[in-house]
Amino acid sequence: RYTESGPQGLAGGKHVIVASGRGGQYGEA
């Protein structure tokens, strides 16, 4: 939701794990 102080996430408390596959090499950032 949007508040006077900016956006606020409402779906906290979850643990998300992403399995990422990449043809090339990108590294961190």
PDB file of all heavy atoms in Angstrom:
ATOM      1  N   ARG A   1       0.847  -1.187   0.000  1.00  0.00           N
ATOM      2  CA  ARG A   1       0.000   0.000   0.000  1.00  0.00           C
ATOM      3  C   ARG A   1       0.881   1.234   0.000  1.00  0.00           C
ATOM      4  O   ARG A   1       2.054   1.181   0.360  1.00  0.00           O
ATOM      5  CB  ARG A   1      -0.945   0.008   1.185  1.00  0.00           C
ATOM      6  CG  ARG A   1      -0.241   0.194   2.505  1.00  0.00           C
ATOM      7  CD  ARG A   1      -1.222   0.225   3.646  1.00  0.00           C
ATOM      8  NE  ARG A   1      -0.473   0.233   4.914  1.00  0.00           N
ATOM      9  CZ  ARG A   1      -1.015   0.087   6.086  1.00  0.00           C
ATOM     10  NH1 ARG A   1      -2.307  -0.086   6.193  1.00  0.00           N
ATOM     11  NH2 ARG A   1      -0.281   0.106   7.170  1.00  0.00           N
ATOM     12  N   TYR A   2       0.299   2.319  -0.408  1.00  0.00           N
ATOM     13  CA  TYR A   2       0.986   3.602  -0.375  1.00  0.00           C
ATOM     14  C   TYR A   2       0.513   4.373   0.846  1.00  0.00           C
ATOM     15  O   TYR A   2      -0.682   4.410   1.131  1.00  0.00           O
ATOM     16  CB  TYR A   2       0.727   4.393  -1.656  1.00  0.00           C
ATOM     17  CG  TYR A   2       1.368   3.774  -2.872  1.00  0.00           C
ATOM     18  CD1 TYR A   2       0.607   3.116  -3.829  1.00  0.00           C
ATOM     19  CD2 TYR A   2       2.750   3.812  -3.038  1.00  0.00           C
ATOM     20  CE1 TYR A   2       1.195   2.530  -4.935  1.00  0.00           C
ATOM     21  CE2 TYR A   2       3.350   3.218  -4.144  1.00  0.00           C
ATOM     22  CZ  TYR A   2       2.562   2.586  -5.085  1.00  0.00           C
ATOM     23  OH  TYR A   2       3.158   1.994  -6.180  1.00  0.00           O
ATOM     24  N   THR A   3       1.480   4.945   1.557  1.00  0.00           N
ATOM     25  CA  THR A   3       1.175   5.741   2.737  1.00  0.00           C
ATOM     26  C   THR A   3       1.773   7.127   2.548  1.00  0.00           C
ATOM     27  O   THR A   3       2.500   7.380   1.581  1.00  0.00           O
ATOM     28  CB  THR A   3       1.772   5.095   4.002  1.00  0.00           C
ATOM     29  OG1 THR A   3       3.204   5.207   3.948  1.00  0.00           O
ATOM     30  CG2 THR A   3       1.369   3.629   4.129  1.00  0.00           C
ATOM     31  N   GLU A   4       1.509   8.004   3.478  1.00  0.00           N
ATOM     32  CA  GLU A   4       2.068   9.353   3.413  1.00  0.00           C
ATOM     33  C   GLU A   4       3.593   9.324   3.442  1.00  0.00           C
ATOM     34  O   GLU A   4       4.249  10.218   2.919  1.00  0.00           O
ATOM     35  CB  GLU A   4       1.543  10.212   4.564  1.00  0.00           C
ATOM     36  CG  GLU A   4       0.080  10.562   4.421  1.00  0.00           C
ATOM     37  CD  GLU A   4      -0.439  11.396   5.569  1.00  0.00           C
ATOM     38  OE1 GLU A   4       0.367  11.841   6.428  1.00  0.00           O
ATOM     39  OE2 GLU A   4      -1.667  11.612   5.611  1.00  0.00           O
ATOM     40  N   SER A   5       4.162   8.288   4.049  1.00  0.00           N
ATOM     41  CA  SER A   5       5.627   8.192   4.132  1.00  0.00           C
ATOM     42  C   SER A   5       6.216   7.272   3.053  1.00  0.00           C
ATOM     43  O   SER A   5       7.383   6.940   3.100  1.00  0.00           O
ATOM     44  CB  SER A   5       6.044   7.721   5.524  1.00  0.00           C
ATOM     45  OG  SER A   5       5.452   6.478   5.822  1.00  0.00           O
ATOM     46  N   GLY A   6       5.378   6.870   2.093  1.00  0.00           N
ATOM     47  CA  GLY A   6       5.880   6.045   0.997  1.00  0.00           C
ATOM     48  C   GLY A   6       5.229   4.681   0.981  1.00  0.00           C
ATOM     49  O   GLY A   6       4.319   4.391   1.767  1.00  0.00           O
ATOM     50  N   PRO A   7       5.697   3.805   0.080  1.00  0.00           N
ATOM     51  CA  PRO A   7       5.084   2.477  -0.022  1.00  0.00           C
ATOM     52  C   PRO A   7       5.398   1.610   1.194  1.00  0.00           C
ATOM     53  O   PRO A   7       6.444   1.749   1.824  1.00  0.00           O
ATOM     54  CB  PRO A   7       5.706   1.893  -1.293  1.00  0.00           C
ATOM     55  CG  PRO A   7       6.945   2.666  -1.523  1.00  0.00           C
ATOM     56  CD  PRO A   7       6.763   4.011  -0.898  1.00  0.00           C
ATOM     57  N   GLN A   8       4.470   0.720   1.494  1.00  0.00           N
ATOM     58  CA  GLN A   8       4.633  -0.212   2.611  1.00  0.00           C
ATOM     59  C   GLN A   8       4.251  -1.607   2.129  1.00  0.00           C
ATOM     60  O   GLN A   8       3.146  -1.807   1.607  1.00  0.00           O
ATOM     61  CB  GLN A   8       3.735   0.195   3.779  1.00  0.00           C
ATOM     62  CG  GLN A   8       3.806  -0.764   4.948  1.00  0.00           C
ATOM     63  CD  GLN A   8       2.801  -0.387   6.035  1.00  0.00           C
ATOM     64  OE1 GLN A   8       1.745   0.166   5.752  1.00  0.00           O
ATOM     65  NE2 GLN A   8       3.146  -0.696   7.267  1.00  0.00           N
ATOM     66  N   GLY A   9       5.171  -2.552   2.298  1.00  0.00           N
ATOM     67  CA  GLY A   9       4.887  -3.938   1.940  1.00  0.00           C
ATOM     68  C   GLY A   9       3.984  -4.587   2.959  1.00  0.00           C
ATOM     69  O   GLY A   9       4.132  -4.351   4.156  1.00  0.00           O
ATOM     70  N   LEU A  10       3.054  -5.389   2.486  1.00  0.00           N
ATOM     71  CA  LEU A  10       2.091  -6.055   3.361  1.00  0.00           C
ATOM     72  C   LEU A  10       2.244  -7.573   3.359  1.00  0.00           C
ATOM     73  O   LEU A  10       1.455  -8.274   3.971  1.00  0.00           O
ATOM     74  CB  LEU A  10       0.660  -5.688   2.924  1.00  0.00           C
ATOM     75  CG  LEU A  10       0.318  -4.201   2.917  1.00  0.00           C
ATOM     76  CD1 LEU A  10      -1.076  -3.986   2.332  1.00  0.00           C
ATOM     77  CD2 LEU A  10       0.430  -3.609   4.317  1.00  0.00           C
ATOM     78  N   ALA A  11       3.252  -8.079   2.645  1.00  0.00           N
ATOM     79  CA  ALA A  11       3.422  -9.537   2.513  1.00  0.00           C
ATOM     80  C   ALA A  11       4.651 -10.047   3.254  1.00  0.00           C
ATOM     81  O   ALA A  11       5.200 -11.085   2.919  1.00  0.00           O
ATOM     82  CB  ALA A  11       3.498  -9.912   1.033  1.00  0.00           C
ATOM     83  N   GLY A  12       5.079  -9.305   4.261  1.00  0.00           N
ATOM     84  CA  GLY A  12       6.260  -9.709   5.026  1.00  0.00           C
ATOM     85  C   GLY A  12       6.031 -11.021   5.762  1.00  0.00           C
ATOM     86  O   GLY A  12       4.916 -11.538   5.823  1.00  0.00           O
ATOM     87  N   GLY A  13       7.107 -11.555   6.288  1.00  0.00           N
ATOM     88  CA  GLY A  13       7.022 -12.796   7.045  1.00  0.00           C
ATOM     89  C   GLY A  13       7.243 -14.037   6.204  1.00  0.00           C
ATOM     90  O   GLY A  13       7.340 -15.133   6.744  1.00  0.00           O
ATOM     91  N   LYS A  14       7.315 -13.880   4.908  1.00  0.00           N
ATOM     92  CA  LYS A  14       7.564 -15.021   4.028  1.00  0.00           C
ATOM     93  C   LYS A  14       9.071 -15.194   3.817  1.00  0.00           C
ATOM     94  O   LYS A  14       9.835 -14.256   3.931  1.00  0.00           O
ATOM     95  CB  LYS A  14       6.890 -14.808   2.669  1.00  0.00           C
ATOM     96  CG  LYS A  14       5.389 -14.730   2.760  1.00  0.00           C
ATOM     97  CD  LYS A  14       4.768 -14.580   1.406  1.00  0.00           C
ATOM     98  CE  LYS A  14       3.273 -14.392   1.504  1.00  0.00           C
ATOM     99  NZ  LYS A  14       2.583 -15.342   2.357  1.00  0.00           N
ATOM    100  N   HIS A  15       9.431 -16.396   3.461  1.00  0.00           N
ATOM    101  CA  HIS A  15      10.818 -16.719   3.120  1.00  0.00           C
ATOM    102  C   HIS A  15      10.804 -17.101   1.647  1.00  0.00           C
ATOM    103  O   HIS A  15      10.134 -18.058   1.267  1.00  0.00           O
ATOM    104  CB  HIS A  15      11.302 -17.875   3.984  1.00  0.00           C
ATOM    105  CG  HIS A  15      12.731 -18.218   3.822  1.00  0.00           C
ATOM    106  ND1 HIS A  15      13.374 -19.089   4.669  1.00  0.00           N
ATOM    107  CD2 HIS A  15      13.669 -17.835   2.927  1.00  0.00           C
ATOM    108  CE1 HIS A  15      14.646 -19.217   4.293  1.00  0.00           C
ATOM    109  NE2 HIS A  15      14.828 -18.467   3.231  1.00  0.00           N
ATOM    110  N   VAL A  16      11.501 -16.349   0.818  1.00  0.00           N
ATOM    111  CA  VAL A  16      11.531 -16.606  -0.623  1.00  0.00           C
ATOM    112  C   VAL A  16      12.928 -17.086  -1.007  1.00  0.00           C
ATOM    113  O   VAL A  16      13.933 -16.460  -0.649  1.00  0.00           O
ATOM    114  CB  VAL A  16      11.151 -15.347  -1.436  1.00  0.00           C
ATOM    115  CG1 VAL A  16      11.282 -15.606  -2.924  1.00  0.00           C
ATOM    116  CG2 VAL A  16       9.726 -14.914  -1.093  1.00  0.00           C
ATOM    117  N   ILE A  17      12.974 -18.199  -1.740  1.00  0.00           N
ATOM    118  CA  ILE A  17      14.236 -18.733  -2.244  1.00  0.00           C
ATOM    119  C   ILE A  17      14.105 -18.836  -3.759  1.00  0.00           C
ATOM    120  O   ILE A  17      13.183 -19.475  -4.263  1.00  0.00           O
ATOM    121  CB  ILE A  17      14.553 -20.119  -1.653  1.00  0.00           C
ATOM    122  CG1 ILE A  17      14.534 -20.060  -0.122  1.00  0.00           C
ATOM    123  CG2 ILE A  17      15.909 -20.621  -2.162  1.00  0.00           C
ATOM    124  CD1 ILE A  17      14.536 -21.424   0.543  1.00  0.00           C
ATOM    125  N   VAL A  18      15.011 -18.189  -4.463  1.00  0.00           N
ATOM    126  CA  VAL A  18      14.982 -18.168  -5.921  1.00  0.00           C
ATOM    127  C   VAL A  18      16.102 -19.058  -6.451  1.00  0.00           C
ATOM    128  O   VAL A  18      17.276 -18.866  -6.118  1.00  0.00           O
ATOM    129  CB  VAL A  18      15.149 -16.737  -6.464  1.00  0.00           C
ATOM    130  CG1 VAL A  18      15.180 -16.739  -7.995  1.00  0.00           C
ATOM    131  CG2 VAL A  18      14.039 -15.828  -5.944  1.00  0.00           C
ATOM    132  N   ALA A  19      15.736 -20.034  -7.275  1.00  0.00           N
ATOM    133  CA  ALA A  19      16.714 -20.863  -7.992  1.00  0.00           C
ATOM    134  C   ALA A  19      16.952 -20.171  -9.328  1.00  0.00           C
ATOM    135  O   ALA A  19      16.064 -20.117 -10.172  1.00  0.00           O
ATOM    136  CB  ALA A  19      16.160 -22.268  -8.193  1.00  0.00           C
ATOM    137  N   SER A  20      18.144 -19.634  -9.489  1.00  0.00           N
ATOM    138  CA  SER A  20      18.469 -18.818 -10.653  1.00  0.00           C
ATOM    139  C   SER A  20      19.419 -19.557 -11.588  1.00  0.00           C
ATOM    140  O   SER A  20      20.433 -20.090 -11.143  1.00  0.00           O
ATOM    141  CB  SER A  20      19.126 -17.512 -10.170  1.00  0.00           C
ATOM    142  OG  SER A  20      19.675 -16.791 -11.241  1.00  0.00           O
ATOM    143  N   GLY A  21      19.078 -19.571 -12.863  1.00  0.00           N
ATOM    144  CA  GLY A  21      19.948 -20.172 -13.866  1.00  0.00           C
ATOM    145  C   GLY A  21      20.308 -19.122 -14.906  1.00  0.00           C
ATOM    146  O   GLY A  21      19.442 -18.366 -15.354  1.00  0.00           O
ATOM    147  N   ARG A  22      21.587 -19.085 -15.276  1.00  0.00           N
ATOM    148  CA  ARG A  22      22.057 -18.079 -16.213  1.00  0.00           C
ATOM    149  C   ARG A  22      23.022 -18.717 -17.194  1.00  0.00           C
ATOM    150  O   ARG A  22      23.951 -19.410 -16.794  1.00  0.00           O
ATOM    151  CB  ARG A  22      22.774 -16.972 -15.453  1.00  0.00           C
ATOM    152  CG  ARG A  22      21.881 -16.272 -14.448  1.00  0.00           C
ATOM    153  CD  ARG A  22      22.698 -15.590 -13.389  1.00  0.00           C
ATOM    154  NE  ARG A  22      21.844 -14.758 -12.550  1.00  0.00           N
ATOM    155  CZ  ARG A  22      22.249 -13.645 -11.986  1.00  0.00           C
ATOM    156  NH1 ARG A  22      23.476 -13.216 -12.140  1.00  0.00           N
ATOM    157  NH2 ARG A  22      21.428 -12.955 -11.243  1.00  0.00           N
ATOM    158  N   GLY A  23      22.801 -18.467 -18.464  1.00  0.00           N
ATOM    159  CA  GLY A  23      23.701 -18.999 -19.481  1.00  0.00           C
ATOM    160  C   GLY A  23      25.086 -18.396 -19.395  1.00  0.00           C
ATOM    161  O   GLY A  23      26.083 -19.069 -19.602  1.00  0.00           O
ATOM    162  N   GLY A  24      25.160 -17.117 -19.056  1.00  0.00           N
ATOM    163  CA  GLY A  24      26.441 -16.417 -18.908  1.00  0.00           C
ATOM    164  C   GLY A  24      26.804 -16.283 -17.446  1.00  0.00           C
ATOM    165  O   GLY A  24      26.144 -16.828 -16.561  1.00  0.00           O
ATOM    166  N   GLN A  25      27.878 -15.532 -17.206  1.00  0.00           N
ATOM    167  CA  GLN A  25      28.322 -15.292 -15.832  1.00  0.00           C
ATOM    168  C   GLN A  25      28.192 -13.808 -15.535  1.00  0.00           C
ATOM    169  O   GLN A  25      28.751 -12.970 -16.246  1.00  0.00           O
ATOM    170  CB  GLN A  25      29.758 -15.765 -15.639  1.00  0.00           C
ATOM    171  CG  GLN A  25      29.858 -17.274 -15.726  1.00  0.00           C
ATOM    172  CD  GLN A  25      31.243 -17.802 -15.424  1.00  0.00           C
ATOM    173  OE1 GLN A  25      32.238 -17.141 -15.652  1.00  0.00           O
ATOM    174  NE2 GLN A  25      31.293 -19.015 -14.909  1.00  0.00           N
ATOM    175  N   TYR A  26      27.459 -13.507 -14.475  1.00  0.00           N
ATOM    176  CA  TYR A  26      27.172 -12.117 -14.134  1.00  0.00           C
ATOM    177  C   TYR A  26      27.703 -11.715 -12.776  1.00  0.00           C
ATOM    178  O   TYR A  26      28.002 -10.557 -12.553  1.00  0.00           O
ATOM    179  CB  TYR A  26      25.659 -11.866 -14.217  1.00  0.00           C
ATOM    180  CG  TYR A  26      25.160 -12.068 -15.624  1.00  0.00           C
ATOM    181  CD1 TYR A  26      24.744 -13.316 -16.062  1.00  0.00           C
ATOM    182  CD2 TYR A  26      25.165 -11.024 -16.530  1.00  0.00           C
ATOM    183  CE1 TYR A  26      24.325 -13.515 -17.363  1.00  0.00           C
ATOM    184  CE2 TYR A  26      24.747 -11.210 -17.838  1.00  0.00           C
ATOM    185  CZ  TYR A  26      24.333 -12.461 -18.242  1.00  0.00           C
ATOM    186  OH  TYR A  26      23.929 -12.658 -19.541  1.00  0.00           O
ATOM    187  N   GLY A  27      27.793 -12.648 -11.839  1.00  0.00           N
ATOM    188  CA  GLY A  27      28.323 -12.327 -10.522  1.00  0.00           C
ATOM    189  C   GLY A  27      27.397 -11.418  -9.747  1.00  0.00           C
ATOM    190  O   GLY A  27      26.264 -11.149 -10.135  1.00  0.00           O
ATOM    191  N   GLU A  28      27.911 -10.915  -8.657  1.00  0.00           N
ATOM    192  CA  GLU A  28      27.136 -10.039  -7.786  1.00  0.00           C
ATOM    193  C   GLU A  28      27.020  -8.643  -8.384  1.00  0.00           C
ATOM    194  O   GLU A  28      28.000  -8.062  -8.837  1.00  0.00           O
ATOM    195  CB  GLU A  28      27.823  -9.928  -6.414  1.00  0.00           C
ATOM    196  CG  GLU A  28      27.890 -11.224  -5.642  1.00  0.00           C
ATOM    197  CD  GLU A  28      26.558 -11.643  -5.069  1.00  0.00           C
ATOM    198  OE1 GLU A  28      25.726 -10.773  -4.780  1.00  0.00           O
ATOM    199  OE2 GLU A  28      26.355 -12.860  -4.923  1.00  0.00           O
ATOM    200  N   ALA A  29      25.848  -8.099  -8.398  1.00  0.00           N
ATOM    201  CA  ALA A  29      25.569  -6.705  -8.759  1.00  0.00           C
ATOM    202  C   ALA A  29      26.058  -6.296 -10.148  1.00  0.00           C
ATOM    203  O   ALA A  29      26.506  -5.192 -10.355  1.00  0.00           O
ATOM    204  CB  ALA A  29      26.145  -5.775  -7.697  1.00  0.00           C
TER     205      ALA A  29
END
